[in-house]
Amino acid sequence: MTTLENRDRTALLVIDVQTGVLDGAHDRDGVVGRISSLVERARGDGTDVVWVQHSSDEFPLGSAPWQIVPELTVHEADPVVHKRYGDAFEATDLEDVLAARGVGRLVVAGAQTDACVRSTLHGAFTRGYDVTLVSDAHTTEDLTAWGAPSPGDVIAHTNLYWGFQEAPGRTAGTASAAEVDLGQAAI
């Protein structure tokens, strides 16, 4: 039901699964394993896999912490979007990449739940995309020392509120990695 015309395809959007971002992340290995399975399913279904990679002073372009984790493989045909802001649409070519592929629905996984994942979810939704968050394939680091809730609580809360997100002409929701529909039909 996307509000974007002639955009009936789905893409798996994998956000910031980089060595430095996932260092110390909650359930890191489980999340990476589920993302790996999602990527393989998407490729098998003919669904585009689009990778997002963050750079900053902490994650300089090309550095070791900037690299995608070694357990995941970016294929040559997979688009990689480079960003410097939380929302993967801001000052990037993500919209052009998705438009060229006729994508109007995103299935989102990656890191960090309370930063780039959340910003991109909202950015996509306000731009007219249908957006499904994979409930067990996103993670964050422990920021309780700075007053944040525990990582598990951040993830649970994000899943809770995204499951009730609504707007005219668009759909949102959550699904586990095992249950998410990666097909080309609207949710």
N, C-alpha and C. Protein backbone atom coordinates (compact mmCIF):
# COMPACT_ATOMS: atom_id res chain seq x y z
N MET A 1 0.80 -1.21 0.00
CA MET A 1 0.00 0.00 0.00
C MET A 1 0.84 1.27 0.00
N THR A 2 2.09 1.19 -0.30
CA THR A 2 2.94 2.37 -0.32
C THR A 2 2.28 3.52 -1.06
N THR A 3 2.61 4.72 -0.70
CA THR A 3 2.10 5.90 -1.40
C THR A 3 2.98 6.25 -2.60
N LEU A 4 4.02 5.48 -2.83
CA LEU A 4 4.92 5.72 -3.95
C LEU A 4 4.39 4.98 -5.18
N GLU A 5 4.16 5.70 -6.27
CA GLU A 5 3.57 5.10 -7.47
C GLU A 5 4.56 4.19 -8.19
N ASN A 6 4.01 3.08 -8.69
CA ASN A 6 4.80 2.12 -9.47
C ASN A 6 6.01 1.59 -8.70
N ARG A 7 5.82 1.40 -7.41
CA ARG A 7 6.92 0.93 -6.56
C ARG A 7 6.43 -0.29 -5.78
N ASP A 8 6.22 -1.41 -6.47
CA ASP A 8 5.64 -2.58 -5.83
C ASP A 8 6.66 -3.62 -5.36
N ARG A 9 7.92 -3.31 -5.46
CA ARG A 9 8.96 -4.25 -5.03
C ARG A 9 9.36 -4.03 -3.57
N THR A 10 9.95 -5.06 -3.00
CA THR A 10 10.46 -5.04 -1.63
C THR A 10 11.97 -5.10 -1.65
N ALA A 11 12.61 -4.45 -0.69
CA ALA A 11 14.06 -4.58 -0.50
C ALA A 11 14.33 -4.85 0.98
N LEU A 12 15.33 -5.68 1.22
CA LEU A 12 15.86 -5.87 2.57
C LEU A 12 16.91 -4.80 2.77
N LEU A 13 16.69 -3.93 3.74
CA LEU A 13 17.63 -2.84 4.05
C LEU A 13 18.41 -3.23 5.29
N VAL A 14 19.72 -3.42 5.14
CA VAL A 14 20.58 -3.85 6.23
C VAL A 14 21.44 -2.66 6.65
N ILE A 15 21.19 -2.17 7.87
CA ILE A 15 21.78 -0.92 8.33
C ILE A 15 22.97 -1.14 9.26
N ASP A 16 24.11 -0.59 8.89
CA ASP A 16 25.28 -0.42 9.76
C ASP A 16 25.74 -1.68 10.50
N VAL A 17 25.77 -2.81 9.82
CA VAL A 17 26.27 -4.04 10.44
C VAL A 17 27.80 -4.07 10.29
N GLN A 18 28.41 -3.08 10.91
CA GLN A 18 29.84 -2.84 10.78
C GLN A 18 30.57 -3.32 12.04
N THR A 19 31.82 -3.67 11.87
CA THR A 19 32.62 -4.20 12.97
C THR A 19 32.59 -3.30 14.19
N GLY A 20 32.82 -2.03 14.02
CA GLY A 20 32.85 -1.10 15.15
C GLY A 20 31.49 -0.84 15.75
N VAL A 21 30.45 -0.84 14.92
CA VAL A 21 29.09 -0.59 15.40
C VAL A 21 28.61 -1.77 16.24
N LEU A 22 28.93 -2.99 15.80
CA LEU A 22 28.44 -4.19 16.49
C LEU A 22 29.36 -4.66 17.62
N ASP A 23 30.49 -4.01 17.80
CA ASP A 23 31.38 -4.39 18.89
C ASP A 23 30.67 -4.18 20.23
N GLY A 24 30.39 -5.25 20.92
CA GLY A 24 29.71 -5.17 22.21
C GLY A 24 28.20 -5.04 22.13
N ALA A 25 27.62 -5.19 20.94
CA ALA A 25 26.18 -5.05 20.79
C ALA A 25 25.44 -6.21 21.45
N HIS A 26 24.24 -5.93 21.92
CA HIS A 26 23.36 -6.92 22.55
C HIS A 26 23.05 -8.06 21.57
N ASP A 27 23.25 -9.30 21.97
CA ASP A 27 22.96 -10.49 21.17
C ASP A 27 23.57 -10.38 19.77
N ARG A 28 24.79 -9.87 19.72
CA ARG A 28 25.46 -9.62 18.44
C ARG A 28 25.43 -10.83 17.52
N ASP A 29 25.90 -11.98 18.02
CA ASP A 29 26.01 -13.16 17.16
C ASP A 29 24.65 -13.66 16.69
N GLY A 30 23.66 -13.62 17.56
CA GLY A 30 22.31 -14.04 17.17
C GLY A 30 21.74 -13.13 16.10
N VAL A 31 21.89 -11.82 16.29
CA VAL A 31 21.38 -10.85 15.31
C VAL A 31 22.10 -11.02 13.97
N VAL A 32 23.41 -11.15 14.00
CA VAL A 32 24.16 -11.32 12.75
C VAL A 32 23.74 -12.61 12.05
N GLY A 33 23.54 -13.67 12.80
CA GLY A 33 23.09 -14.93 12.22
C GLY A 33 21.72 -14.80 11.55
N ARG A 34 20.81 -14.10 12.22
CA ARG A 34 19.48 -13.91 11.64
C ARG A 34 19.54 -13.01 10.40
N ILE A 35 20.38 -11.99 10.44
CA ILE A 35 20.54 -11.14 9.25
C ILE A 35 21.12 -11.95 8.10
N SER A 36 22.09 -12.79 8.38
CA SER A 36 22.67 -13.65 7.35
C SER A 36 21.60 -14.52 6.69
N SER A 37 20.73 -15.10 7.51
CA SER A 37 19.64 -15.92 6.98
C SER A 37 18.68 -15.09 6.13
N LEU A 38 18.37 -13.88 6.60
CA LEU A 38 17.49 -12.99 5.84
C LEU A 38 18.10 -12.64 4.48
N VAL A 39 19.38 -12.35 4.48
CA VAL A 39 20.06 -11.98 3.23
C VAL A 39 19.99 -13.15 2.25
N GLU A 40 20.25 -14.35 2.72
CA GLU A 40 20.20 -15.51 1.84
C GLU A 40 18.78 -15.75 1.33
N ARG A 41 17.78 -15.62 2.19
CA ARG A 41 16.39 -15.77 1.76
C ARG A 41 16.03 -14.73 0.73
N ALA A 42 16.41 -13.48 0.99
CA ALA A 42 16.10 -12.39 0.06
C ALA A 42 16.71 -12.67 -1.31
N ARG A 43 17.95 -13.05 -1.32
CA ARG A 43 18.61 -13.35 -2.60
C ARG A 43 17.92 -14.50 -3.31
N GLY A 44 17.53 -15.53 -2.57
CA GLY A 44 16.83 -16.66 -3.15
C GLY A 44 15.47 -16.30 -3.70
N ASP A 45 14.82 -15.30 -3.11
CA ASP A 45 13.49 -14.85 -3.54
C ASP A 45 13.56 -13.78 -4.63
N GLY A 46 14.76 -13.34 -4.97
CA GLY A 46 14.89 -12.26 -5.95
C GLY A 46 14.63 -10.88 -5.38
N THR A 47 14.69 -10.78 -4.05
CA THR A 47 14.48 -9.51 -3.37
C THR A 47 15.82 -8.79 -3.25
N ASP A 48 15.82 -7.50 -3.58
CA ASP A 48 17.05 -6.72 -3.47
C ASP A 48 17.53 -6.64 -2.03
N VAL A 49 18.84 -6.72 -1.85
CA VAL A 49 19.48 -6.49 -0.56
C VAL A 49 20.27 -5.20 -0.70
N VAL A 50 19.92 -4.22 0.13
CA VAL A 50 20.59 -2.92 0.10
C VAL A 50 21.29 -2.72 1.43
N TRP A 51 22.58 -2.45 1.38
CA TRP A 51 23.39 -2.27 2.58
C TRP A 51 23.60 -0.80 2.84
N VAL A 52 23.59 -0.43 4.12
CA VAL A 52 23.88 0.94 4.53
C VAL A 52 25.11 0.89 5.41
N GLN A 53 26.03 1.81 5.17
CA GLN A 53 27.30 1.81 5.89
C GLN A 53 27.60 3.23 6.36
N HIS A 54 27.76 3.38 7.67
CA HIS A 54 27.96 4.68 8.31
C HIS A 54 29.44 5.02 8.38
N SER A 55 29.76 6.27 8.13
CA SER A 55 31.12 6.75 8.38
C SER A 55 31.05 8.00 9.24
N SER A 56 32.09 8.18 10.07
CA SER A 56 32.17 9.30 10.99
C SER A 56 33.61 9.39 11.47
N ASP A 57 33.87 10.31 12.39
CA ASP A 57 35.22 10.38 12.97
C ASP A 57 35.57 9.07 13.67
N GLU A 58 34.56 8.44 14.28
CA GLU A 58 34.77 7.17 14.98
C GLU A 58 34.91 5.99 14.02
N PHE A 59 34.27 6.09 12.84
CA PHE A 59 34.29 5.04 11.83
C PHE A 59 34.73 5.61 10.49
N PRO A 60 36.03 5.95 10.37
CA PRO A 60 36.49 6.55 9.12
C PRO A 60 36.34 5.59 7.94
N LEU A 61 35.94 6.15 6.82
CA LEU A 61 35.77 5.40 5.58
C LEU A 61 36.99 4.50 5.34
N GLY A 62 36.75 3.22 5.14
CA GLY A 62 37.83 2.28 4.84
C GLY A 62 38.55 1.70 6.04
N SER A 63 38.28 2.20 7.24
CA SER A 63 38.97 1.71 8.44
C SER A 63 38.42 0.35 8.87
N ALA A 64 39.12 -0.32 9.78
CA ALA A 64 38.68 -1.62 10.29
C ALA A 64 37.30 -1.54 10.96
N PRO A 65 37.02 -0.56 11.84
CA PRO A 65 35.70 -0.52 12.45
C PRO A 65 34.57 -0.17 11.48
N TRP A 66 34.90 0.40 10.33
CA TRP A 66 33.93 0.78 9.31
C TRP A 66 33.47 -0.42 8.48
N GLN A 67 34.26 -1.48 8.43
CA GLN A 67 33.97 -2.63 7.57
C GLN A 67 32.72 -3.39 8.02
N ILE A 68 32.01 -3.96 7.05
CA ILE A 68 30.89 -4.87 7.34
C ILE A 68 31.48 -6.07 8.08
N VAL A 69 30.74 -6.59 9.08
CA VAL A 69 31.24 -7.73 9.86
C VAL A 69 31.56 -8.89 8.93
N PRO A 70 32.61 -9.65 9.26
CA PRO A 70 33.07 -10.70 8.34
C PRO A 70 32.07 -11.84 8.11
N GLU A 71 31.11 -12.01 8.99
CA GLU A 71 30.12 -13.08 8.82
C GLU A 71 29.13 -12.79 7.71
N LEU A 72 29.05 -11.54 7.25
CA LEU A 72 28.10 -11.15 6.21
C LEU A 72 28.84 -10.78 4.94
N THR A 73 28.27 -11.16 3.81
CA THR A 73 28.91 -10.92 2.53
C THR A 73 28.06 -10.01 1.66
N VAL A 74 28.65 -8.92 1.25
CA VAL A 74 28.01 -8.01 0.31
C VAL A 74 28.39 -8.49 -1.09
N HIS A 75 27.39 -8.82 -1.89
CA HIS A 75 27.66 -9.23 -3.27
C HIS A 75 27.91 -8.01 -4.13
N GLU A 76 28.64 -8.22 -5.20
CA GLU A 76 28.99 -7.13 -6.11
C GLU A 76 27.75 -6.41 -6.64
N ALA A 77 26.66 -7.14 -6.85
CA ALA A 77 25.43 -6.55 -7.38
C ALA A 77 24.61 -5.80 -6.32
N ASP A 78 24.95 -5.99 -5.04
CA ASP A 78 24.21 -5.34 -3.96
C ASP A 78 24.59 -3.87 -3.87
N PRO A 79 23.61 -2.98 -3.86
CA PRO A 79 23.93 -1.57 -3.65
C PRO A 79 24.41 -1.35 -2.21
N VAL A 80 25.38 -0.47 -2.06
CA VAL A 80 25.87 -0.05 -0.75
C VAL A 80 25.72 1.46 -0.68
N VAL A 81 24.97 1.91 0.33
CA VAL A 81 24.71 3.33 0.51
C VAL A 81 25.58 3.82 1.67
N HIS A 82 26.35 4.85 1.41
CA HIS A 82 27.23 5.42 2.43
C HIS A 82 26.55 6.63 3.05
N LYS A 83 26.56 6.68 4.39
CA LYS A 83 25.87 7.78 5.08
C LYS A 83 26.73 8.36 6.19
N ARG A 84 26.36 9.56 6.59
CA ARG A 84 27.01 10.23 7.72
C ARG A 84 26.00 10.67 8.78
N TYR A 85 24.72 10.45 8.53
CA TYR A 85 23.67 10.83 9.47
C TYR A 85 22.88 9.59 9.87
N GLY A 86 22.08 9.72 10.92
CA GLY A 86 21.30 8.58 11.40
C GLY A 86 20.33 8.05 10.38
N ASP A 87 19.55 8.92 9.75
CA ASP A 87 18.58 8.53 8.75
C ASP A 87 19.33 8.24 7.45
N ALA A 88 19.23 7.01 6.98
CA ALA A 88 19.97 6.59 5.79
C ALA A 88 19.52 7.31 4.51
N PHE A 89 18.42 8.05 4.58
CA PHE A 89 17.97 8.83 3.42
C PHE A 89 18.64 10.21 3.36
N GLU A 90 19.13 10.69 4.48
CA GLU A 90 19.68 12.05 4.55
C GLU A 90 21.03 12.15 3.85
N ALA A 91 21.09 12.99 2.82
CA ALA A 91 22.33 13.29 2.09
C ALA A 91 22.99 12.02 1.53
N THR A 92 22.14 11.07 1.06
CA THR A 92 22.64 9.85 0.42
C THR A 92 21.88 9.63 -0.88
N ASP A 93 22.26 8.56 -1.58
CA ASP A 93 21.55 8.18 -2.80
C ASP A 93 20.56 7.05 -2.56
N LEU A 94 20.17 6.80 -1.31
CA LEU A 94 19.27 5.69 -1.00
C LEU A 94 17.96 5.80 -1.78
N GLU A 95 17.35 6.94 -1.80
CA GLU A 95 16.08 7.10 -2.52
C GLU A 95 16.26 6.77 -4.00
N ASP A 96 17.34 7.22 -4.61
CA ASP A 96 17.59 6.92 -6.03
C ASP A 96 17.79 5.43 -6.25
N VAL A 97 18.52 4.78 -5.35
CA VAL A 97 18.76 3.33 -5.44
C VAL A 97 17.44 2.58 -5.39
N LEU A 98 16.58 2.95 -4.44
CA LEU A 98 15.30 2.26 -4.28
C LEU A 98 14.35 2.55 -5.43
N ALA A 99 14.31 3.79 -5.87
CA ALA A 99 13.43 4.17 -7.00
C ALA A 99 13.83 3.42 -8.27
N ALA A 100 15.11 3.30 -8.52
CA ALA A 100 15.59 2.61 -9.72
C ALA A 100 15.18 1.14 -9.72
N ARG A 101 14.96 0.59 -8.54
CA ARG A 101 14.56 -0.82 -8.42
C ARG A 101 13.06 -0.99 -8.22
N GLY A 102 12.32 0.10 -8.21
CA GLY A 102 10.87 0.02 -8.03
C GLY A 102 10.45 -0.39 -6.63
N VAL A 103 11.28 -0.06 -5.64
CA VAL A 103 11.02 -0.48 -4.25
C VAL A 103 10.11 0.52 -3.55
N GLY A 104 9.03 0.01 -2.97
CA GLY A 104 8.13 0.82 -2.16
C GLY A 104 7.94 0.24 -0.77
N ARG A 105 8.52 -0.92 -0.54
CA ARG A 105 8.42 -1.58 0.77
C ARG A 105 9.80 -1.98 1.25
N LEU A 106 10.11 -1.63 2.50
CA LEU A 106 11.39 -1.98 3.09
C LEU A 106 11.20 -2.94 4.26
N VAL A 107 12.07 -3.92 4.32
CA VAL A 107 12.21 -4.81 5.46
C VAL A 107 13.55 -4.43 6.08
N VAL A 108 13.52 -3.98 7.34
CA VAL A 108 14.69 -3.34 7.94
C VAL A 108 15.29 -4.20 9.04
N ALA A 109 16.64 -4.30 9.02
CA ALA A 109 17.41 -5.00 10.04
C ALA A 109 18.71 -4.23 10.24
N GLY A 110 19.39 -4.46 11.38
CA GLY A 110 20.71 -3.86 11.56
C GLY A 110 20.92 -3.21 12.90
N ALA A 111 21.69 -2.12 12.89
CA ALA A 111 22.10 -1.45 14.12
C ALA A 111 22.20 0.06 13.87
N GLN A 112 22.19 0.84 14.84
CA GLN A 112 21.77 0.59 16.20
C GLN A 112 20.29 0.90 16.33
N THR A 113 19.59 0.08 17.09
CA THR A 113 18.15 0.20 17.25
C THR A 113 17.72 1.62 17.56
N ASP A 114 18.35 2.22 18.55
CA ASP A 114 17.90 3.53 19.06
C ASP A 114 18.57 4.70 18.36
N ALA A 115 19.21 4.46 17.26
CA ALA A 115 19.85 5.54 16.52
C ALA A 115 19.51 5.39 15.04
N CYS A 116 20.40 4.77 14.28
CA CYS A 116 20.23 4.73 12.83
C CYS A 116 19.05 3.88 12.38
N VAL A 117 18.76 2.78 13.07
CA VAL A 117 17.59 1.99 12.69
C VAL A 117 16.33 2.81 12.88
N ARG A 118 16.17 3.39 14.07
CA ARG A 118 14.96 4.17 14.35
C ARG A 118 14.84 5.37 13.41
N SER A 119 15.92 6.08 13.18
CA SER A 119 15.87 7.24 12.29
C SER A 119 15.48 6.85 10.88
N THR A 120 16.02 5.75 10.39
CA THR A 120 15.72 5.31 9.04
C THR A 120 14.30 4.78 8.92
N LEU A 121 13.81 4.07 9.95
CA LEU A 121 12.42 3.62 9.95
C LEU A 121 11.48 4.80 9.73
N HIS A 122 11.67 5.83 10.55
CA HIS A 122 10.81 7.00 10.46
C HIS A 122 11.03 7.75 9.16
N GLY A 123 12.28 7.86 8.73
CA GLY A 123 12.57 8.54 7.47
C GLY A 123 11.90 7.86 6.29
N ALA A 124 11.92 6.54 6.26
CA ALA A 124 11.29 5.80 5.17
C ALA A 124 9.77 5.96 5.21
N PHE A 125 9.21 5.84 6.40
CA PHE A 125 7.76 5.91 6.56
C PHE A 125 7.23 7.28 6.15
N THR A 126 7.90 8.33 6.56
CA THR A 126 7.43 9.68 6.21
C THR A 126 7.62 9.97 4.72
N ARG A 127 8.51 9.24 4.07
CA ARG A 127 8.71 9.42 2.63
C ARG A 127 7.75 8.57 1.80
N GLY A 128 6.89 7.77 2.46
CA GLY A 128 5.87 7.03 1.74
C GLY A 128 6.08 5.53 1.63
N TYR A 129 7.13 5.01 2.21
CA TYR A 129 7.40 3.58 2.14
C TYR A 129 6.58 2.81 3.16
N ASP A 130 6.22 1.57 2.81
CA ASP A 130 5.76 0.59 3.78
C ASP A 130 7.03 0.06 4.45
N VAL A 131 6.99 -0.11 5.78
CA VAL A 131 8.22 -0.47 6.49
C VAL A 131 7.94 -1.55 7.53
N THR A 132 8.63 -2.67 7.38
CA THR A 132 8.57 -3.76 8.35
C THR A 132 9.92 -3.84 9.06
N LEU A 133 9.89 -3.79 10.38
CA LEU A 133 11.09 -3.96 11.19
C LEU A 133 11.19 -5.43 11.57
N VAL A 134 12.34 -6.03 11.34
CA VAL A 134 12.55 -7.43 11.72
C VAL A 134 12.87 -7.43 13.21
N SER A 135 11.91 -7.89 14.00
CA SER A 135 11.93 -7.72 15.46
C SER A 135 13.13 -8.33 16.16
N ASP A 136 13.70 -9.38 15.61
CA ASP A 136 14.83 -10.04 16.26
C ASP A 136 16.12 -9.92 15.45
N ALA A 137 16.16 -8.95 14.55
CA ALA A 137 17.35 -8.76 13.71
C ALA A 137 17.83 -7.31 13.75
N HIS A 138 17.66 -6.67 14.91
CA HIS A 138 18.26 -5.34 15.12
C HIS A 138 18.78 -5.31 16.55
N THR A 139 19.79 -4.49 16.77
CA THR A 139 20.46 -4.48 18.06
C THR A 139 21.06 -3.11 18.36
N THR A 140 21.51 -2.98 19.61
CA THR A 140 22.17 -1.76 20.04
C THR A 140 23.19 -2.08 21.12
N GLU A 141 23.99 -1.10 21.46
CA GLU A 141 24.97 -1.28 22.52
C GLU A 141 24.36 -0.89 23.86
N ASP A 142 25.04 -1.19 24.92
CA ASP A 142 24.58 -0.86 26.27
C ASP A 142 24.97 0.58 26.61
N LEU A 143 23.97 1.43 26.70
CA LEU A 143 24.19 2.84 27.03
C LEU A 143 23.58 3.19 28.39
N THR A 144 23.41 2.20 29.26
CA THR A 144 22.81 2.44 30.57
C THR A 144 23.66 3.38 31.42
N ALA A 145 24.96 3.42 31.20
CA ALA A 145 25.82 4.33 31.96
C ALA A 145 25.47 5.79 31.69
N TRP A 146 24.80 6.06 30.58
CA TRP A 146 24.40 7.42 30.24
C TRP A 146 22.90 7.63 30.44
N GLY A 147 22.25 6.73 31.16
CA GLY A 147 20.84 6.89 31.49
C GLY A 147 19.86 6.21 30.56
N ALA A 148 20.34 5.51 29.56
CA ALA A 148 19.43 4.81 28.64
C ALA A 148 18.93 3.52 29.27
N PRO A 149 17.79 3.03 28.80
CA PRO A 149 17.32 1.72 29.24
C PRO A 149 18.30 0.63 28.78
N SER A 150 18.16 -0.56 29.30
CA SER A 150 19.01 -1.68 28.88
C SER A 150 18.79 -1.95 27.39
N PRO A 151 19.78 -2.53 26.70
CA PRO A 151 19.61 -2.82 25.28
C PRO A 151 18.36 -3.66 24.99
N GLY A 152 18.11 -4.67 25.80
CA GLY A 152 16.93 -5.50 25.60
C GLY A 152 15.64 -4.69 25.69
N ASP A 153 15.60 -3.73 26.64
CA ASP A 153 14.42 -2.88 26.77
C ASP A 153 14.28 -1.91 25.60
N VAL A 154 15.40 -1.40 25.10
CA VAL A 154 15.36 -0.51 23.93
C VAL A 154 14.80 -1.26 22.73
N ILE A 155 15.27 -2.48 22.52
CA ILE A 155 14.82 -3.30 21.39
C ILE A 155 13.33 -3.62 21.55
N ALA A 156 12.93 -4.05 22.75
CA ALA A 156 11.53 -4.40 23.00
C ALA A 156 10.62 -3.20 22.79
N HIS A 157 11.03 -2.04 23.28
CA HIS A 157 10.21 -0.84 23.14
C HIS A 157 10.08 -0.44 21.67
N THR A 158 11.17 -0.52 20.93
CA THR A 158 11.12 -0.17 19.51
C THR A 158 10.18 -1.13 18.77
N ASN A 159 10.28 -2.41 19.07
CA ASN A 159 9.37 -3.38 18.45
C ASN A 159 7.92 -3.07 18.81
N LEU A 160 7.68 -2.70 20.07
CA LEU A 160 6.33 -2.40 20.52
C LEU A 160 5.74 -1.21 19.76
N TYR A 161 6.45 -0.09 19.75
CA TYR A 161 5.84 1.09 19.13
C TYR A 161 5.80 0.96 17.61
N TRP A 162 6.77 0.28 16.97
CA TRP A 162 6.72 0.15 15.52
C TRP A 162 5.57 -0.76 15.10
N GLY A 163 5.19 -1.68 15.95
CA GLY A 163 4.07 -2.56 15.65
C GLY A 163 2.74 -1.83 15.60
N PHE A 164 2.69 -0.62 16.13
CA PHE A 164 1.44 0.16 16.15
C PHE A 164 1.53 1.43 15.31
N GLN A 165 2.58 1.57 14.51
CA GLN A 165 2.77 2.75 13.67
C GLN A 165 1.71 2.78 12.58
N GLU A 166 1.12 3.95 12.34
CA GLU A 166 0.08 4.09 11.32
C GLU A 166 0.24 5.42 10.59
N ALA A 167 -0.19 5.42 9.33
CA ALA A 167 -0.27 6.64 8.54
C ALA A 167 -1.11 6.33 7.30
N PRO A 168 -1.74 7.33 6.72
CA PRO A 168 -2.58 7.09 5.54
C PRO A 168 -1.78 6.51 4.38
N GLY A 169 -2.30 5.43 3.81
CA GLY A 169 -1.71 4.86 2.60
C GLY A 169 -0.43 4.10 2.79
N ARG A 170 0.01 3.91 4.01
CA ARG A 170 1.25 3.18 4.28
C ARG A 170 1.00 2.16 5.37
N THR A 171 1.83 1.13 5.38
CA THR A 171 1.76 0.13 6.42
C THR A 171 3.10 0.03 7.13
N ALA A 172 3.02 -0.33 8.39
CA ALA A 172 4.21 -0.56 9.19
C ALA A 172 3.93 -1.77 10.07
N GLY A 173 4.97 -2.33 10.62
CA GLY A 173 4.79 -3.45 11.52
C GLY A 173 6.10 -4.13 11.80
N THR A 174 6.00 -5.19 12.57
CA THR A 174 7.17 -5.99 12.91
C THR A 174 6.88 -7.45 12.58
N ALA A 175 7.93 -8.20 12.36
CA ALA A 175 7.85 -9.64 12.17
C ALA A 175 9.21 -10.21 12.53
N SER A 176 9.23 -11.41 13.03
CA SER A 176 10.50 -12.06 13.34
C SER A 176 11.20 -12.44 12.04
N ALA A 177 12.49 -12.74 12.14
CA ALA A 177 13.26 -13.13 10.96
C ALA A 177 12.67 -14.38 10.32
N ALA A 178 12.19 -15.30 11.13
CA ALA A 178 11.63 -16.54 10.61
C ALA A 178 10.29 -16.32 9.92
N GLU A 179 9.56 -15.29 10.31
CA GLU A 179 8.20 -15.08 9.81
C GLU A 179 8.06 -13.94 8.80
N VAL A 180 9.06 -13.08 8.68
CA VAL A 180 8.89 -11.91 7.82
C VAL A 180 8.73 -12.31 6.35
N ASP A 181 7.83 -11.63 5.68
CA ASP A 181 7.58 -11.84 4.26
C ASP A 181 8.57 -10.99 3.46
N LEU A 182 9.43 -11.62 2.70
CA LEU A 182 10.38 -10.90 1.87
C LEU A 182 9.92 -10.84 0.41
N GLY A 183 8.70 -11.30 0.16
CA GLY A 183 8.16 -11.31 -1.18
C GLY A 183 7.86 -9.93 -1.69
N GLN A 184 7.38 -9.88 -2.91
CA GLN A 184 7.17 -8.60 -3.57
C GLN A 184 5.78 -8.02 -3.35
N ALA A 185 4.89 -8.78 -2.71
CA ALA A 185 3.55 -8.26 -2.46
C ALA A 185 3.56 -7.31 -1.27
N ALA A 186 2.64 -6.35 -1.26
CA ALA A 186 2.52 -5.42 -0.13
C ALA A 186 2.10 -6.17 1.12
N ILE A 187 2.51 -5.64 2.29
CA ILE A 187 2.13 -6.29 3.55
C ILE A 187 0.70 -5.98 3.90
